[in-house]
Amino acid sequence: MNWWHAIIKYYTTLGEKFNVNPSIFVGIHIIATPLFAAAVWWIIYNSKKKRSLVAPAIVATLIFNSANIYLVVMGKYIPWWVYAILGFTTLLTGYFSYKKIIRKIKK
């Protein structure tokens, strides 16, 4: 169990250094996952009913990025390369999420 305590200590230290609470960051991820799934369902539902996709797409995008938004808004003295990683991973995972949603809509 020493490795678990080492991980917790590492992220707690990082959180203090950059003014980000790791518990809140992880909590946002946990809460955002089912909310994002619901937003995707809303997109697919609206698509099949020929309704506007604007509102569910905005909601899905905000939920998808909520943990990163928390990090950018609350974080202080975060190195530039962390922003680069956030940008790259957001684009990559966003692209694959978009492709998956399109496949579900076309079914």
C-alpha atoms as a PDB file:
ATOM      1  CA  MET A   1       0.000   0.000   0.000  1.00  0.00           C
ATOM      2  CA  ASN A   2       3.030   2.307   0.102  1.00  0.00           C
ATOM      3  CA  TRP A   3       2.683   3.043  -3.610  1.00  0.00           C
ATOM      4  CA  TRP A   4      -0.890   4.287  -3.028  1.00  0.00           C
ATOM      5  CA  HIS A   5       0.249   6.699  -0.304  1.00  0.00           C
ATOM      6  CA  ALA A   6       3.109   7.844  -2.537  1.00  0.00           C
ATOM      7  CA  ILE A   7       0.643   8.629  -5.351  1.00  0.00           C
ATOM      8  CA  ILE A   8      -1.657  10.539  -2.984  1.00  0.00           C
ATOM      9  CA  LYS A   9       1.290  12.495  -1.564  1.00  0.00           C
ATOM     10  CA  TYR A  10       2.576  13.284  -5.060  1.00  0.00           C
ATOM     11  CA  TYR A  11      -0.757  14.675  -6.275  1.00  0.00           C
ATOM     12  CA  THR A  12      -1.401  16.519  -3.021  1.00  0.00           C
ATOM     13  CA  THR A  13       2.002  18.178  -3.300  1.00  0.00           C
ATOM     14  CA  LEU A  14       1.310  19.123  -6.929  1.00  0.00           C
ATOM     15  CA  GLY A  15      -2.094  20.459  -5.957  1.00  0.00           C
ATOM     16  CA  GLU A  16      -0.621  22.677  -3.264  1.00  0.00           C
ATOM     17  CA  LYS A  17       2.117  23.893  -5.598  1.00  0.00           C
ATOM     18  CA  PHE A  18      -0.331  24.840  -8.358  1.00  0.00           C
ATOM     19  CA  ASN A  19      -3.334  25.842  -6.182  1.00  0.00           C
ATOM     20  CA  VAL A  20      -5.524  22.970  -7.425  1.00  0.00           C
ATOM     21  CA  ASN A  21      -7.335  20.602  -5.068  1.00  0.00           C
ATOM     22  CA  PRO A  22      -6.765  17.071  -6.435  1.00  0.00           C
ATOM     23  CA  SER A  23      -9.944  15.810  -4.738  1.00  0.00           C
ATOM     24  CA  ILE A  24     -12.043  18.406  -6.537  1.00  0.00           C
ATOM     25  CA  PHE A  25     -10.271  17.665  -9.830  1.00  0.00           C
ATOM     26  CA  VAL A  26     -10.940  13.913  -9.536  1.00  0.00           C
ATOM     27  CA  GLY A  27     -14.452  14.571  -8.236  1.00  0.00           C
ATOM     28  CA  ILE A  28     -15.236  16.651 -11.297  1.00  0.00           C
ATOM     29  CA  HIS A  29     -14.064  13.774 -13.514  1.00  0.00           C
ATOM     30  CA  ILE A  30     -16.229  11.276 -11.628  1.00  0.00           C
ATOM     31  CA  ILE A  31     -19.331  13.473 -11.751  1.00  0.00           C
ATOM     32  CA  ALA A  32     -18.732  14.548 -15.353  1.00  0.00           C
ATOM     33  CA  THR A  33     -18.596  11.014 -16.766  1.00  0.00           C
ATOM     34  CA  PRO A  34     -22.293  10.106 -16.367  1.00  0.00           C
ATOM     35  CA  LEU A  35     -23.319  13.689 -17.155  1.00  0.00           C
ATOM     36  CA  PHE A  36     -21.355  13.544 -20.413  1.00  0.00           C
ATOM     37  CA  ALA A  37     -23.039  10.232 -21.277  1.00  0.00           C
ATOM     38  CA  ALA A  38     -26.422  11.873 -20.651  1.00  0.00           C
ATOM     39  CA  ALA A  39     -25.480  14.839 -22.856  1.00  0.00           C
ATOM     40  CA  VAL A  40     -24.427  12.452 -25.645  1.00  0.00           C
ATOM     41  CA  TRP A  41     -27.769  10.661 -25.282  1.00  0.00           C
ATOM     42  CA  TRP A  42     -29.471  14.073 -25.556  1.00  0.00           C
ATOM     43  CA  ILE A  43     -27.549  14.816 -28.771  1.00  0.00           C
ATOM     44  CA  ILE A  44     -28.529  11.480 -30.301  1.00  0.00           C
ATOM     45  CA  TYR A  45     -32.154  11.849 -29.145  1.00  0.00           C
ATOM     46  CA  ASN A  46     -32.440  15.344 -30.608  1.00  0.00           C
ATOM     47  CA  SER A  47     -30.826  14.203 -33.833  1.00  0.00           C
ATOM     48  CA  LYS A  48     -33.334  11.384 -34.283  1.00  0.00           C
ATOM     49  CA  LYS A  49     -36.229  13.760 -33.482  1.00  0.00           C
ATOM     50  CA  LYS A  50     -34.817  16.357 -35.941  1.00  0.00           C
ATOM     51  CA  ARG A  51     -34.390  18.934 -33.160  1.00  0.00           C
ATOM     52  CA  SER A  52     -31.569  21.404 -32.665  1.00  0.00           C
ATOM     53  CA  LEU A  53     -28.250  19.969 -31.508  1.00  0.00           C
ATOM     54  CA  VAL A  54     -26.827  23.311 -30.352  1.00  0.00           C
ATOM     55  CA  ALA A  55     -27.836  23.176 -26.672  1.00  0.00           C
ATOM     56  CA  PRO A  56     -26.881  19.521 -26.072  1.00  0.00           C
ATOM     57  CA  ALA A  57     -23.602  20.008 -27.948  1.00  0.00           C
ATOM     58  CA  ILE A  58     -22.690  23.037 -25.815  1.00  0.00           C
ATOM     59  CA  VAL A  59     -23.620  21.167 -22.623  1.00  0.00           C
ATOM     60  CA  ALA A  60     -21.613  18.100 -23.710  1.00  0.00           C
ATOM     61  CA  THR A  61     -18.587  20.249 -24.557  1.00  0.00           C
ATOM     62  CA  LEU A  62     -18.664  22.061 -21.215  1.00  0.00           C
ATOM     63  CA  ILE A  63     -19.090  18.818 -19.277  1.00  0.00           C
ATOM     64  CA  PHE A  64     -16.355  17.129 -21.316  1.00  0.00           C
ATOM     65  CA  ASN A  65     -13.944  19.947 -20.468  1.00  0.00           C
ATOM     66  CA  SER A  66     -15.114  20.720 -16.920  1.00  0.00           C
ATOM     67  CA  ALA A  67     -12.051  19.310 -15.108  1.00  0.00           C
ATOM     68  CA  ASN A  68      -9.704  21.124 -17.484  1.00  0.00           C
ATOM     69  CA  ILE A  69     -11.687  24.333 -17.042  1.00  0.00           C
ATOM     70  CA  TYR A  70     -11.284  23.965 -13.269  1.00  0.00           C
ATOM     71  CA  LEU A  71      -7.537  23.470 -13.696  1.00  0.00           C
ATOM     72  CA  VAL A  72      -7.130  26.490 -15.985  1.00  0.00           C
ATOM     73  CA  VAL A  73      -9.314  28.800 -13.871  1.00  0.00           C
ATOM     74  CA  MET A  74      -8.065  27.816 -10.405  1.00  0.00           C
ATOM     75  CA  GLY A  75      -4.478  26.811 -11.166  1.00  0.00           C
ATOM     76  CA  LYS A  76      -1.575  29.166 -10.587  1.00  0.00           C
ATOM     77  CA  TYR A  77       1.978  28.937 -11.945  1.00  0.00           C
ATOM     78  CA  ILE A  78       1.136  25.925 -14.096  1.00  0.00           C
ATOM     79  CA  PRO A  79       3.931  25.225 -16.611  1.00  0.00           C
ATOM     80  CA  TRP A  80       3.187  25.906 -20.277  1.00  0.00           C
ATOM     81  CA  TRP A  81       3.673  22.255 -21.212  1.00  0.00           C
ATOM     82  CA  VAL A  82       0.714  21.261 -19.003  1.00  0.00           C
ATOM     83  CA  TYR A  83      -1.486  23.546 -21.114  1.00  0.00           C
ATOM     84  CA  ALA A  84      -0.023  21.965 -24.247  1.00  0.00           C
ATOM     85  CA  ILE A  85      -0.876  18.480 -22.951  1.00  0.00           C
ATOM     86  CA  LEU A  86      -4.384  19.618 -22.000  1.00  0.00           C
ATOM     87  CA  GLY A  87      -4.903  21.068 -25.455  1.00  0.00           C
ATOM     88  CA  PHE A  88      -3.579  18.002 -27.253  1.00  0.00           C
ATOM     89  CA  THR A  89      -5.545  15.483 -25.169  1.00  0.00           C
ATOM     90  CA  THR A  90      -8.710  17.588 -25.408  1.00  0.00           C
ATOM     91  CA  LEU A  91      -8.463  17.725 -29.193  1.00  0.00           C
ATOM     92  CA  LEU A  92      -7.641  14.034 -29.495  1.00  0.00           C
ATOM     93  CA  THR A  93     -10.341  12.726 -27.156  1.00  0.00           C
ATOM     94  CA  GLY A  94     -12.817  15.282 -28.500  1.00  0.00           C
ATOM     95  CA  TYR A  95     -12.189  14.058 -32.031  1.00  0.00           C
ATOM     96  CA  PHE A  96     -12.787  10.412 -31.097  1.00  0.00           C
ATOM     97  CA  SER A  97     -15.891  11.315 -29.079  1.00  0.00           C
ATOM     98  CA  TYR A  98     -17.236  13.266 -32.053  1.00  0.00           C
ATOM     99  CA  LYS A  99     -16.628  10.321 -34.400  1.00  0.00           C
ATOM    100  CA  LYS A 100     -18.374   7.929 -32.006  1.00  0.00           C
ATOM    101  CA  ILE A 101     -21.384  10.235 -31.650  1.00  0.00           C
ATOM    102  CA  ILE A 102     -21.669  10.562 -35.445  1.00  0.00           C
ATOM    103  CA  ARG A 103     -21.606   6.754 -35.782  1.00  0.00           C
ATOM    104  CA  LYS A 104     -24.415   6.444 -33.221  1.00  0.00           C
ATOM    105  CA  ILE A 105     -26.486   9.112 -34.956  1.00  0.00           C
ATOM    106  CA  LYS A 106     -26.154   7.325 -38.316  1.00  0.00           C
ATOM    107  CA  LYS A 107     -27.485   4.033 -36.903  1.00  0.00           C
END
